[in-house]
């Protein structure tokens, strides 16, 4: 049974299913990534689009510097996997620092927009691949496996499977930089892990 698609509205996007994500990819791809009105497809300017990608570049710099500061001072990834790459906000900056970058997304519309953005920005070392939960289309292991603002849109059980599969793609000596949300303030004693559901 195919998941229901919500229509795009002025509210923050509901990205709980692959079909909803693809709907946003077709209707309002930049706003689906950063929910600020200036990134609406109907309003986005060249300046706003430049700022959108600048934010991706700043994130990539932060990730690499954090790894160099805390894990490996000489870290310089040659291969990178960007899971949930969307329109290429972090994918394109990663392509500036690595030899080979693979972008995964469940949305064909997002992948097409990422392809367009790579072409516009003269990025030629990126491979864009449709994703599934087992990452069956991913060809190899990577020096850096990255995902940012993605897993919070995926149901927990499904996200755990994807998380395990992402970790399996980290090469020996590589690093996984995978963003997850948790409720530290609500469950401080258990480091953000909520209580198990009571049996019915």
Foldseek 3Di string as FASTA:
>chain_A
DDDDEDADDLDQQQLQDLNNLQNCLVQQQLCNVPVDVCSGPVRDDPVNVVVLLVVLLVVLVVVVVCCLVPPNVPDQWQEEEEEQCFLNSNPVNNLVRHQAYEYEHQHPSRLVNNVVVCVVVVRDRYHYDYADLLRVVDDAATLEYEYDPPLVSYPPVSSVSSVVNSVVRHDVNHDYHYDDDFDCVVPVVVRRDDDDDDDD
